[in-house]
C-alpha cells in the first residue's frame, strides 16, 4: 500500500481500480490486481 498525494494517476494505471472513501480516508483498491492499492490522508 502506498500513501500518495494524487490518487487520480494511480486510478488510471489499471482499468479495475476504484477510488473509495472510508473513515475520512481515500483509498484506491483493485479486486483483480491486488498490488494497486493506495491511501490518501
PDB file of N, CA and C in Angstrom:
ATOM      1  N   UNK A   1       0.847  -1.190   0.000  1.00  0.00           N
ATOM      2  CA  UNK A   1       0.000   0.000   0.000  1.00  0.00           C
ATOM      3  C   UNK A   1       0.881   1.238   0.000  1.00  0.00           C
ATOM      4  N   UNK A   2       0.574   2.158  -0.909  1.00  0.00           N
ATOM      5  CA  UNK A   2       1.300   3.416  -0.980  1.00  0.00           C
ATOM      6  C   UNK A   2       0.429   4.538  -0.405  1.00  0.00           C
ATOM      7  N   UNK A   3       1.070   5.502   0.222  1.00  0.00           N
ATOM      8  CA  UNK A   3       0.376   6.711   0.674  1.00  0.00           C
ATOM      9  C   UNK A   3       0.812   7.827  -0.261  1.00  0.00           C
ATOM     10  N   UNK A   4      -0.165   8.402  -0.988  1.00  0.00           N
ATOM     11  CA  UNK A   4       0.180   9.300  -2.081  1.00  0.00           C
ATOM     12  C   UNK A   4      -0.600  10.598  -1.974  1.00  0.00           C
ATOM     13  N   UNK A   5      -0.085  11.630  -2.673  1.00  0.00           N
ATOM     14  CA  UNK A   5      -0.803  12.894  -2.761  1.00  0.00           C
ATOM     15  C   UNK A   5      -1.903  12.821  -3.812  1.00  0.00           C
ATOM     16  N   UNK A   6      -1.576  12.264  -4.968  1.00  0.00           N
ATOM     17  CA  UNK A   6      -2.537  12.226  -6.067  1.00  0.00           C
ATOM     18  C   UNK A   6      -2.947  10.784  -6.329  1.00  0.00           C
ATOM     19  N   UNK A   7      -4.234  10.500  -6.144  1.00  0.00           N
ATOM     20  CA  UNK A   7      -4.725   9.152  -6.401  1.00  0.00           C
ATOM     21  C   UNK A   7      -5.274   8.990  -7.807  1.00  0.00           C
ATOM     22  N   UNK A   8      -5.460  10.114  -8.488  1.00  0.00           N
ATOM     23  CA  UNK A   8      -6.026  10.042  -9.829  1.00  0.00           C
ATOM     24  C   UNK A   8      -5.076   9.351 -10.803  1.00  0.00           C
ATOM     25  N   UNK A   9      -3.772   9.587 -10.628  1.00  0.00           N
ATOM     26  CA  UNK A   9      -2.802   8.937 -11.515  1.00  0.00           C
ATOM     27  C   UNK A   9      -2.739   7.441 -11.243  1.00  0.00           C
ATOM     28  N   UNK A  10      -2.929   7.039  -9.980  1.00  0.00           N
ATOM     29  CA  UNK A  10      -2.910   5.606  -9.676  1.00  0.00           C
ATOM     30  C   UNK A  10      -4.162   4.908 -10.179  1.00  0.00           C
ATOM     31  N   UNK A  11      -5.271   5.640 -10.207  1.00  0.00           N
ATOM     32  CA  UNK A  11      -6.507   5.048 -10.711  1.00  0.00           C
ATOM     33  C   UNK A  11      -6.395   4.712 -12.194  1.00  0.00           C
ATOM     34  N   UNK A  12      -5.606   5.495 -12.918  1.00  0.00           N
ATOM     35  CA  UNK A  12      -5.503   5.289 -14.362  1.00  0.00           C
ATOM     36  C   UNK A  12      -4.515   4.194 -14.733  1.00  0.00           C
ATOM     37  N   UNK A  13      -3.843   3.594 -13.755  1.00  0.00           N
ATOM     38  CA  UNK A  13      -2.857   2.560 -14.076  1.00  0.00           C
ATOM     39  C   UNK A  13      -3.500   1.250 -14.490  1.00  0.00           C
ATOM     40  N   UNK A  14      -4.712   1.004 -13.997  1.00  0.00           N
ATOM     41  CA  UNK A  14      -5.373  -0.270 -14.298  1.00  0.00           C
ATOM     42  C   UNK A  14      -6.863  -0.008 -14.435  1.00  0.00           C
ATOM     43  N   UNK A  15      -7.529  -0.773 -15.287  1.00  0.00           N
ATOM     44  CA  UNK A  15      -8.932  -0.441 -15.565  1.00  0.00           C
ATOM     45  C   UNK A  15      -9.876  -0.849 -14.456  1.00  0.00           C
ATOM     46  N   UNK A  16      -9.440  -1.707 -13.524  1.00  0.00           N
ATOM     47  CA  UNK A  16     -10.319  -2.143 -12.442  1.00  0.00           C
ATOM     48  C   UNK A  16     -10.130  -1.360 -11.150  1.00  0.00           C
ATOM     49  N   UNK A  17      -9.302  -0.320 -11.162  1.00  0.00           N
ATOM     50  CA  UNK A  17      -9.065   0.452  -9.941  1.00  0.00           C
ATOM     51  C   UNK A  17     -10.295   1.281  -9.592  1.00  0.00           C
ATOM     52  N   UNK A  18     -10.611   1.326  -8.306  1.00  0.00           N
ATOM     53  CA  UNK A  18     -11.737   2.119  -7.825  1.00  0.00           C
ATOM     54  C   UNK A  18     -11.258   3.044  -6.723  1.00  0.00           C
ATOM     55  N   UNK A  19     -11.782   4.268  -6.723  1.00  0.00           N
ATOM     56  CA  UNK A  19     -11.491   5.221  -5.656  1.00  0.00           C
ATOM     57  C   UNK A  19     -12.650   5.168  -4.666  1.00  0.00           C
ATOM     58  N   UNK A  20     -12.333   4.890  -3.400  1.00  0.00           N
ATOM     59  CA  UNK A  20     -13.349   4.655  -2.374  1.00  0.00           C
ATOM     60  C   UNK A  20     -12.987   5.453  -1.135  1.00  0.00           C
ATOM     61  N   UNK A  21     -13.986   6.070  -0.504  1.00  0.00           N
ATOM     62  CA  UNK A  21     -13.762   6.819   0.736  1.00  0.00           C
ATOM     63  C   UNK A  21     -14.241   5.998   1.920  1.00  0.00           C
ATOM     64  N   UNK A  22     -13.345   5.782   2.883  1.00  0.00           N
ATOM     65  CA  UNK A  22     -13.686   5.051   4.105  1.00  0.00           C
ATOM     66  C   UNK A  22     -13.090   5.789   5.295  1.00  0.00           C
ATOM     67  N   UNK A  23     -13.921   6.096   6.273  1.00  0.00           N
ATOM     68  CA  UNK A  23     -13.480   6.697   7.543  1.00  0.00           C
ATOM     69  C   UNK A  23     -12.680   7.980   7.318  1.00  0.00           C
ATOM     70  N   UNK A  24     -13.085   8.786   6.339  1.00  0.00           N
ATOM     71  CA  UNK A  24     -12.394  10.035   6.074  1.00  0.00           C
ATOM     72  C   UNK A  24     -11.108   9.898   5.297  1.00  0.00           C
ATOM     73  N   UNK A  25     -10.750   8.699   4.906  1.00  0.00           N
ATOM     74  CA  UNK A  25      -9.559   8.478   4.093  1.00  0.00           C
ATOM     75  C   UNK A  25      -9.979   8.004   2.714  1.00  0.00           C
ATOM     76  N   UNK A  26      -9.174   8.334   1.733  1.00  0.00           N
ATOM     77  CA  UNK A  26      -9.477   7.964   0.351  1.00  0.00           C
ATOM     78  C   UNK A  26      -8.551   6.824  -0.057  1.00  0.00           C
ATOM     79  N   UNK A  27      -9.139   5.781  -0.617  1.00  0.00           N
ATOM     80  CA  UNK A  27      -8.373   4.594  -0.987  1.00  0.00           C
ATOM     81  C   UNK A  27      -8.554   4.301  -2.461  1.00  0.00           C
ATOM     82  N   UNK A  28      -7.510   3.728  -3.071  1.00  0.00           N
ATOM     83  CA  UNK A  28      -7.625   3.119  -4.385  1.00  0.00           C
ATOM     84  C   UNK A  28      -7.489   1.622  -4.151  1.00  0.00           C
ATOM     85  N   UNK A  29      -8.520   0.855  -4.526  1.00  0.00           N
ATOM     86  CA  UNK A  29      -8.450  -0.591  -4.384  1.00  0.00           C
ATOM     87  C   UNK A  29      -8.703  -1.240  -5.730  1.00  0.00           C
ATOM     88  N   UNK A  30      -8.245  -2.471  -5.860  1.00  0.00           N
ATOM     89  CA  UNK A  30      -8.385  -3.212  -7.104  1.00  0.00           C
ATOM     90  C   UNK A  30      -8.627  -4.675  -6.745  1.00  0.00           C
ATOM     91  N   UNK A  31      -9.762  -5.198  -7.159  1.00  0.00           N
ATOM     92  CA  UNK A  31     -10.109  -6.567  -6.795  1.00  0.00           C
ATOM     93  C   UNK A  31      -9.312  -7.590  -7.595  1.00  0.00           C
ATOM     94  N   UNK A  32      -8.999  -7.280  -8.849  1.00  0.00           N
ATOM     95  CA  UNK A  32      -8.364  -8.284  -9.694  1.00  0.00           C
ATOM     96  C   UNK A  32      -6.845  -8.266  -9.575  1.00  0.00           C
ATOM     97  N   UNK A  33      -6.266  -7.073  -9.426  1.00  0.00           N
ATOM     98  CA  UNK A  33      -4.809  -6.971  -9.316  1.00  0.00           C
ATOM     99  C   UNK A  33      -4.508  -6.279  -7.993  1.00  0.00           C
ATOM    100  N   UNK A  34      -4.172  -7.067  -6.971  1.00  0.00           N
ATOM    101  CA  UNK A  34      -4.143  -6.576  -5.606  1.00  0.00           C
ATOM    102  C   UNK A  34      -3.007  -5.619  -5.314  1.00  0.00           C
ATOM    103  N   UNK A  35      -2.017  -5.505  -6.204  1.00  0.00           N
ATOM    104  CA  UNK A  35      -0.897  -4.641  -5.854  1.00  0.00           C
ATOM    105  C   UNK A  35      -1.169  -3.172  -6.117  1.00  0.00           C
ATOM    106  N   UNK A  36      -2.256  -2.839  -6.785  1.00  0.00           N
ATOM    107  CA  UNK A  36      -2.606  -1.435  -6.983  1.00  0.00           C
ATOM    108  C   UNK A  36      -3.463  -0.951  -5.824  1.00  0.00           C
ATOM    109  N   UNK A  37      -2.810  -0.710  -4.688  1.00  0.00           N
ATOM    110  CA  UNK A  37      -3.529  -0.219  -3.529  1.00  0.00           C
ATOM    111  C   UNK A  37      -2.859   1.066  -3.084  1.00  0.00           C
ATOM    112  N   UNK A  38      -3.651   2.051  -2.699  1.00  0.00           N
ATOM    113  CA  UNK A  38      -3.081   3.314  -2.231  1.00  0.00           C
ATOM    114  C   UNK A  38      -4.053   3.972  -1.251  1.00  0.00           C
ATOM    115  N   UNK A  39      -3.498   4.870  -0.464  1.00  0.00           N
ATOM    116  CA  UNK A  39      -4.292   5.570   0.541  1.00  0.00           C
ATOM    117  C   UNK A  39      -3.888   7.031   0.520  1.00  0.00           C
ATOM    118  N   UNK A  40      -4.861   7.900   0.814  1.00  0.00           N
ATOM    119  CA  UNK A  40      -4.583   9.315   0.917  1.00  0.00           C
ATOM    120  C   UNK A  40      -5.182   9.834   2.212  1.00  0.00           C
ATOM    121  N   UNK A  41      -4.395  10.608   2.981  1.00  0.00           N
ATOM    122  CA  UNK A  41      -4.885  11.198   4.216  1.00  0.00           C
ATOM    123  C   UNK A  41      -4.568  10.369   5.446  1.00  0.00           C
TER     124      UNK A  41
END
